[in-house]
């Protein structure tokens, strides 16, 4: 262990800020008590001062993220750019170094008990910057404990995850659903095996995630799918989109939405590096499509046309048409690159 570890009191877990300072000074060797587990990932336990993070211009007011970093290692993940705040790069360190907020659920319970907290007006999104059901959750159970805290103070909740481990908490999710609005959205861009293996190397198979959707729906939980992101030239072929929507419908999802790839900051840099290795023939095309963080307007129109045809084929109607308000993971005003849909036969 690097000598900088002595900067921390023995037996005391550092804060995320202290970890960032240590990494800036000494690199990963400065992590005071990181443990490398069987998945070859460094897990550093930390303490957090707050659990709830306030956000603006979203359908939810607060976010919850019990972990920082994610072993799913999705190459398109927008949260990669946040690793710079911890002095960790958006590349391999995003998926090989995970901070575990060990006091997360206790801090959340304290915040929910505050006199000013209004659970009916303060919707929460869980898992916006890192997956709450990545494999290490099986050991630490921070997400499960957070759900228990939310049941004690029922608050509308939207969960976004790629982890079928969510079915472990089917009892708590069903209970919270009886008390307030609770939505579980599984991020499943595609059921194409090649695209899945390359783009989402650390995730469970898409069909395993779809089976989790079916189990949750049968338990009375509002569970559906966000096809996000759709990667131009990789998972965007109409036949692949058709197979994906058909699989989602076959598994009884309560809703389905679709988002095109969004590239910004360090995530953009990482993704173009990935393209150069895995899809070198697409680098130039992506450079033209993504002059900005969103794809070009002309590509978006072609995407809308394809999705419109699939909408008609599978009797899908927009959530706006269903009279429902989208919640959980999407902006209050959908951006030009996204399509929000609902499966007609289960709406």
Protein backbone atom coordinates (compact mmCIF):
# COMPACT_ATOMS: atom_id res chain seq x y z
CA UNK A 1 0.00 0.00 0.00
CA UNK A 2 1.23 3.44 -0.90
CA UNK A 3 2.49 5.61 1.97
CA UNK A 4 -0.33 8.11 1.28
CA UNK A 5 -2.67 5.60 2.92
CA UNK A 6 -1.31 6.86 6.24
CA UNK A 7 -3.05 10.17 5.55
CA UNK A 8 -6.26 8.44 6.57
CA UNK A 9 -7.14 7.47 10.11
CA UNK A 10 -6.85 3.75 10.65
CA UNK A 11 -10.28 2.16 10.50
CA UNK A 12 -11.94 5.23 8.98
CA UNK A 13 -13.38 5.06 5.47
CA UNK A 14 -12.54 8.08 3.28
CA UNK A 15 -15.01 10.32 1.48
CA UNK A 16 -15.12 10.39 -2.31
CA UNK A 17 -13.35 13.76 -2.21
CA UNK A 18 -10.51 12.31 -0.15
CA UNK A 19 -10.23 9.41 -2.58
CA UNK A 20 -10.01 11.85 -5.51
CA UNK A 21 -7.26 13.79 -3.72
CA UNK A 22 -5.34 10.59 -3.01
CA UNK A 23 -5.60 9.39 -6.62
CA UNK A 24 -4.48 12.80 -7.90
CA UNK A 25 -1.38 12.57 -5.69
CA UNK A 26 -0.42 8.93 -6.09
CA UNK A 27 -2.59 7.29 -8.75
CA UNK A 28 -4.43 4.09 -7.94
CA UNK A 29 -1.69 3.25 -5.46
CA UNK A 30 -3.08 6.06 -3.33
CA UNK A 31 -6.37 4.29 -2.74
CA UNK A 32 -6.31 3.81 1.02
CA UNK A 33 -8.02 0.44 1.38
CA UNK A 34 -9.11 -0.83 -2.03
CA UNK A 35 -9.74 -4.56 -2.36
CA UNK A 36 -9.27 -6.40 -5.65
CA UNK A 37 -11.91 -9.09 -5.89
CA UNK A 38 -12.31 -12.12 -8.13
CA UNK A 39 -13.63 -10.03 -11.01
CA UNK A 40 -10.25 -8.19 -11.07
CA UNK A 41 -11.95 -4.93 -10.03
CA UNK A 42 -10.71 -2.63 -7.26
CA UNK A 43 -13.47 -1.86 -4.76
CA UNK A 44 -12.87 1.10 -2.47
CA UNK A 45 -15.27 1.58 0.44
CA UNK A 46 -16.12 5.23 1.08
CA UNK A 47 -18.58 7.23 3.17
CA UNK A 48 -20.97 9.80 1.75
CA UNK A 49 -22.24 12.98 3.39
CA UNK A 50 -25.45 12.99 1.33
CA UNK A 51 -27.38 10.33 -0.57
CA UNK A 52 -29.94 12.50 -2.37
CA UNK A 53 -28.62 14.68 -5.20
CA UNK A 54 -30.79 17.55 -6.45
CA UNK A 55 -31.25 17.89 -10.23
CA UNK A 56 -32.97 20.44 -12.47
CA UNK A 57 -35.13 20.25 -15.62
CA UNK A 58 -36.01 16.59 -15.17
CA UNK A 59 -39.25 14.80 -14.30
CA UNK A 60 -37.62 13.82 -11.03
CA UNK A 61 -36.05 16.18 -8.49
CA UNK A 62 -33.50 13.85 -6.94
CA UNK A 63 -31.10 11.09 -7.91
CA UNK A 64 -29.60 8.25 -5.90
CA UNK A 65 -26.35 6.45 -6.79
CA UNK A 66 -24.97 4.07 -4.15
CA UNK A 67 -21.88 3.30 -6.27
CA UNK A 68 -19.44 5.25 -8.44
CA UNK A 69 -17.98 3.40 -11.40
CA UNK A 70 -19.63 0.36 -12.96
CA UNK A 71 -18.35 -3.08 -13.92
CA UNK A 72 -20.83 -3.31 -16.79
CA UNK A 73 -18.27 -1.33 -18.77
CA UNK A 74 -20.68 -0.18 -21.50
CA UNK A 75 -18.62 1.75 -24.03
CA UNK A 76 -21.37 4.29 -24.67
CA UNK A 77 -22.16 5.07 -21.00
CA UNK A 78 -22.62 8.82 -20.49
CA UNK A 79 -21.48 8.45 -16.87
CA UNK A 80 -17.92 7.76 -18.01
CA UNK A 81 -17.34 11.49 -18.22
CA UNK A 82 -18.12 11.88 -14.51
CA UNK A 83 -15.06 9.84 -13.54
CA UNK A 84 -12.91 12.92 -14.09
CA UNK A 85 -14.42 14.31 -10.89
CA UNK A 86 -12.69 11.47 -9.05
CA UNK A 87 -9.38 11.89 -10.92
CA UNK A 88 -10.16 8.63 -12.73
CA UNK A 89 -10.26 8.42 -16.51
CA UNK A 90 -13.33 7.54 -18.61
CA UNK A 91 -11.66 4.41 -20.02
CA UNK A 92 -10.82 1.19 -18.21
CA UNK A 93 -10.81 2.85 -14.78
CA UNK A 94 -14.57 3.45 -15.10
CA UNK A 95 -15.19 -0.30 -15.01
CA UNK A 96 -12.17 -1.44 -12.98
CA UNK A 97 -12.43 0.92 -9.98
CA UNK A 98 -15.73 1.12 -8.09
CA UNK A 99 -16.42 3.26 -5.04
CA UNK A 100 -18.89 1.73 -2.59
CA UNK A 101 -20.79 4.17 -0.36
CA UNK A 102 -21.12 1.91 2.65
CA UNK A 103 -23.26 4.32 4.73
CA UNK A 104 -25.51 5.20 1.79
CA UNK A 105 -28.77 3.68 3.07
CA UNK A 106 -28.36 5.13 6.58
CA UNK A 107 -27.72 8.61 5.18
CA UNK A 108 -30.75 8.28 2.91
CA UNK A 109 -32.97 7.22 5.84
CA UNK A 110 -31.85 10.29 7.80
CA UNK A 111 -32.59 12.58 4.83
CA UNK A 112 -36.06 11.10 4.33
CA UNK A 113 -36.88 11.72 8.02
CA UNK A 114 -36.21 15.45 7.77
CA UNK A 115 -39.29 17.61 8.46
CA UNK A 116 -39.05 19.43 5.13
CA UNK A 117 -39.11 16.26 3.01
CA UNK A 118 -42.31 15.98 0.93
CA UNK A 119 -42.42 12.47 -0.53
CA UNK A 120 -45.42 13.15 -2.75
CA UNK A 121 -43.72 16.00 -4.59
CA UNK A 122 -40.11 14.83 -4.66
CA UNK A 123 -39.75 12.01 -7.20
CA UNK A 124 -36.43 10.14 -7.13
CA UNK A 125 -34.45 8.41 -9.87
CA UNK A 126 -32.17 5.56 -8.78
CA UNK A 127 -29.26 4.58 -11.01
CA UNK A 128 -28.82 7.57 -13.29
CA UNK A 129 -25.01 7.73 -13.10
CA UNK A 130 -24.06 4.18 -12.16
CA UNK A 131 -26.00 0.93 -12.09
CA UNK A 132 -27.60 0.14 -8.70
CA UNK A 133 -27.78 -3.56 -9.61
CA UNK A 134 -24.26 -4.16 -10.87
CA UNK A 135 -22.88 -7.46 -9.48
CA UNK A 136 -21.26 -6.02 -6.32
CA UNK A 137 -24.76 -5.12 -5.08
CA UNK A 138 -25.14 -8.82 -4.33
CA UNK A 139 -22.49 -8.40 -1.64
CA UNK A 140 -23.25 -4.94 -0.22
CA UNK A 141 -27.07 -4.79 -0.67
CA UNK A 142 -27.04 -0.99 -0.62
CA UNK A 143 -29.85 -0.73 -3.16
CA UNK A 144 -32.03 -3.15 -1.22
CA UNK A 145 -31.49 -1.19 1.99
CA UNK A 146 -32.29 2.04 0.16
CA UNK A 147 -35.58 0.53 -1.02
CA UNK A 148 -36.44 -0.32 2.58
CA UNK A 149 -35.83 3.30 3.54
CA UNK A 150 -38.08 4.49 0.71
CA UNK A 151 -40.86 2.14 1.78
CA UNK A 152 -40.73 3.66 5.26
CA UNK A 153 -41.17 7.09 3.62
CA UNK A 154 -43.03 6.28 0.38
CA UNK A 155 -41.63 8.41 -2.42
CA UNK A 156 -42.22 8.07 -6.18
CA UNK A 157 -39.25 6.17 -7.59
CA UNK A 158 -37.89 5.39 -11.04
CA UNK A 159 -35.06 2.85 -11.35
CA UNK A 160 -32.85 2.48 -14.41
CA UNK A 161 -30.69 -0.65 -14.61
CA UNK A 162 -29.10 -3.29 -16.81
CA UNK A 163 -28.94 -5.74 -13.91
CA UNK A 164 -31.38 -8.69 -13.61
CA UNK A 165 -30.35 -8.79 -9.93
CA UNK A 166 -33.35 -6.47 -9.51
CA UNK A 167 -35.57 -9.55 -9.25
CA UNK A 168 -33.95 -10.27 -5.87
CA UNK A 169 -35.82 -7.22 -4.56
CA UNK A 170 -39.16 -8.14 -6.10
CA UNK A 171 -40.77 -8.16 -2.64
CA UNK A 172 -39.68 -4.61 -1.84
CA UNK A 173 -40.43 -3.28 -5.32
CA UNK A 174 -43.94 -4.75 -5.20
CA UNK A 175 -44.51 -3.25 -1.75
CA UNK A 176 -43.29 0.18 -2.85
CA UNK A 177 -45.52 -0.08 -5.93
CA UNK A 178 -48.53 -0.55 -3.65
CA UNK A 179 -47.61 2.56 -1.70
CA UNK A 180 -46.60 4.97 -4.47
CA UNK A 181 -45.43 5.15 -8.09
CA UNK A 182 -42.52 2.81 -8.74
CA UNK A 183 -41.09 2.14 -12.20
CA UNK A 184 -38.22 -0.18 -13.10
CA UNK A 185 -36.72 0.51 -16.52
CA UNK A 186 -34.28 -2.02 -17.95
CA UNK A 187 -31.82 -0.56 -20.41
CA UNK A 188 -31.69 -3.01 -23.33
CA UNK A 189 -30.48 -1.39 -26.55
CA UNK A 190 -30.61 -4.56 -28.62
CA UNK A 191 -31.02 -8.33 -28.53
CA UNK A 192 -28.37 -8.74 -31.24
CA UNK A 193 -25.64 -10.93 -29.74
CA UNK A 194 -22.71 -9.37 -31.59
CA UNK A 195 -23.65 -5.79 -30.73
CA UNK A 196 -24.36 -6.74 -27.12
CA UNK A 197 -21.02 -8.47 -26.57
CA UNK A 198 -19.06 -5.59 -28.03
CA UNK A 199 -20.97 -2.62 -26.63
CA UNK A 200 -21.93 -3.94 -23.16
CA UNK A 201 -19.14 -6.36 -22.24
CA UNK A 202 -19.96 -6.68 -18.53
CA UNK A 203 -23.76 -6.95 -18.67
CA UNK A 204 -26.11 -9.89 -18.48
CA UNK A 205 -27.52 -11.20 -21.76
CA UNK A 206 -30.43 -9.08 -23.06
CA UNK A 207 -32.83 -12.03 -22.80
CA UNK A 208 -31.89 -12.48 -19.15
CA UNK A 209 -32.83 -8.85 -18.58
CA UNK A 210 -36.09 -9.36 -20.44
CA UNK A 211 -36.93 -12.32 -18.23
CA UNK A 212 -36.43 -10.01 -15.25
CA UNK A 213 -38.87 -7.54 -16.82
CA UNK A 214 -41.46 -10.30 -17.14
CA UNK A 215 -41.01 -11.43 -13.52
CA UNK A 216 -41.41 -7.91 -12.17
CA UNK A 217 -44.50 -7.21 -14.29
CA UNK A 218 -46.12 -10.42 -13.07
CA UNK A 219 -45.49 -9.26 -9.49
CA UNK A 220 -47.35 -6.01 -10.12
CA UNK A 221 -44.31 -3.78 -10.69
CA UNK A 222 -44.42 -1.28 -13.57
CA UNK A 223 -41.41 -2.61 -15.48
CA UNK A 224 -40.37 -1.91 -19.04
CA UNK A 225 -37.50 -1.31 -21.42
CA UNK A 226 -35.51 1.64 -22.67
CA UNK A 227 -33.71 0.73 -25.89
CA UNK A 228 -30.77 2.96 -25.14
CA UNK A 229 -28.69 3.88 -26.79
CA UNK A 230 -29.35 2.88 -30.37
CA UNK A 231 -25.93 3.06 -32.05
CA UNK A 232 -25.99 4.11 -35.72
CA UNK A 233 -24.60 1.35 -37.91
CA UNK A 234 -24.31 -1.11 -35.00
CA UNK A 235 -27.76 -1.68 -33.46
CA UNK A 236 -29.82 0.60 -35.72
CA UNK A 237 -30.59 -1.74 -38.63
CA UNK A 238 -34.39 -2.03 -39.05
CA UNK A 239 -34.26 -5.82 -38.81
CA UNK A 240 -32.37 -5.60 -35.48
CA UNK A 241 -34.79 -3.00 -34.13
CA UNK A 242 -37.69 -5.22 -35.22
CA UNK A 243 -36.28 -8.27 -33.42
CA UNK A 244 -35.61 -6.24 -30.30
CA UNK A 245 -39.10 -4.74 -30.08
CA UNK A 246 -40.67 -8.13 -30.80
CA UNK A 247 -38.65 -9.71 -27.95
CA UNK A 248 -39.66 -6.88 -25.60
CA UNK A 249 -43.31 -7.38 -26.47
CA UNK A 250 -43.05 -11.18 -26.11
CA UNK A 251 -41.79 -10.72 -22.55
CA UNK A 252 -44.76 -8.57 -21.52
CA UNK A 253 -42.98 -5.29 -20.86
CA UNK A 254 -45.28 -2.53 -19.64
CA UNK A 255 -43.60 0.06 -21.85
CA UNK A 256 -40.77 0.58 -24.30
CA UNK A 257 -38.79 3.66 -25.28
CA UNK A 258 -35.85 4.31 -27.58
CA UNK A 259 -32.93 6.73 -27.44
CA UNK A 260 -30.25 7.38 -30.01
CA UNK A 261 -26.60 7.45 -28.97
CA UNK A 262 -25.53 10.62 -27.15
CA UNK A 263 -21.84 11.55 -27.18
CA UNK A 264 -20.39 14.27 -24.99
CA UNK A 265 -17.10 15.08 -23.31
CA UNK A 266 -14.93 12.20 -22.19
CA UNK A 267 -17.57 9.67 -23.18
CA UNK A 268 -17.24 10.85 -26.78
CA UNK A 269 -13.46 10.45 -26.64
CA UNK A 270 -13.73 6.94 -25.21
CA UNK A 271 -16.41 5.83 -27.66
CA UNK A 272 -14.47 6.94 -30.72
CA UNK A 273 -11.47 5.01 -29.39
CA UNK A 274 -13.70 1.95 -29.05
CA UNK A 275 -14.99 2.42 -32.59
CA UNK A 276 -11.44 2.57 -33.89
CA UNK A 277 -10.76 -0.86 -32.39
CA UNK A 278 -14.07 -2.66 -32.91
CA UNK A 279 -15.70 -0.86 -35.87
CA UNK A 280 -12.97 1.09 -37.70
CA UNK A 281 -15.16 1.41 -40.80
CA UNK A 282 -17.68 3.45 -38.76
CA UNK A 283 -15.32 6.08 -37.36
CA UNK A 284 -15.61 8.50 -40.27
CA UNK A 285 -19.37 8.08 -40.49
CA UNK A 286 -19.83 8.76 -36.78
CA UNK A 287 -17.64 11.82 -37.10
CA UNK A 288 -20.07 13.19 -39.68
CA UNK A 289 -23.21 12.15 -37.78
CA UNK A 290 -21.96 13.51 -34.46
CA UNK A 291 -20.64 16.94 -35.26
CA UNK A 292 -22.50 17.76 -32.03
CA UNK A 293 -23.38 15.60 -29.04
CA UNK A 294 -26.60 14.49 -30.78
CA UNK A 295 -26.82 12.87 -34.22
CA UNK A 296 -27.68 14.98 -37.23
CA UNK A 297 -31.27 16.09 -37.82
CA UNK A 298 -31.47 14.12 -41.08
CA UNK A 299 -30.42 10.88 -39.33
CA UNK A 300 -32.94 11.51 -36.58
CA UNK A 301 -35.70 11.85 -39.16
CA UNK A 302 -34.76 8.51 -40.73
CA UNK A 303 -34.77 6.96 -37.25
CA UNK A 304 -38.25 8.37 -36.59
CA UNK A 305 -39.49 6.89 -39.86
CA UNK A 306 -38.22 3.41 -38.98
CA UNK A 307 -39.62 3.59 -35.47
CA UNK A 308 -42.93 4.86 -36.84
CA UNK A 309 -43.21 1.81 -39.09
CA UNK A 310 -42.44 -0.50 -36.16
CA UNK A 311 -44.93 1.41 -34.02
CA UNK A 312 -47.65 0.61 -36.55
CA UNK A 313 -46.54 -3.01 -36.97
CA UNK A 314 -46.58 -3.83 -33.24
CA UNK A 315 -49.53 -1.64 -32.24
CA UNK A 316 -47.32 0.68 -30.24
CA UNK A 317 -48.60 4.12 -29.28
CA UNK A 318 -46.75 7.01 -27.73
CA UNK A 319 -46.92 7.54 -24.03
CA UNK A 320 -48.35 10.99 -24.70
CA UNK A 321 -51.21 9.33 -26.60
CA UNK A 322 -51.82 7.00 -23.65
CA UNK A 323 -52.39 10.00 -21.40
CA UNK A 324 -49.51 9.05 -19.14
CA UNK A 325 -46.63 11.17 -17.97
CA UNK A 326 -43.20 9.72 -18.65
CA UNK A 327 -41.27 9.33 -15.43
CA UNK A 328 -38.03 8.00 -14.06
CA UNK A 329 -35.22 8.53 -16.51
CA UNK A 330 -36.11 10.95 -19.30
CA UNK A 331 -35.92 14.75 -19.56
CA UNK A 332 -39.09 16.76 -18.95
CA UNK A 333 -39.05 17.79 -22.63
CA UNK A 334 -37.89 14.87 -24.83
CA UNK A 335 -34.82 15.77 -26.87
CA UNK A 336 -34.86 15.61 -30.63
CA UNK A 337 -32.97 12.30 -30.63
CA UNK A 338 -35.39 10.25 -28.54
CA UNK A 339 -38.59 8.35 -29.17
CA UNK A 340 -40.91 7.47 -26.29
CA UNK A 341 -43.30 4.59 -26.95
CA UNK A 342 -45.73 2.35 -25.13
CA UNK A 343 -46.81 -1.15 -26.09
CA UNK A 344 -50.48 -0.82 -27.01
CA UNK A 345 -51.66 -4.21 -25.78
CA UNK A 346 -50.31 -3.67 -22.25
CA UNK A 347 -50.86 0.08 -21.93
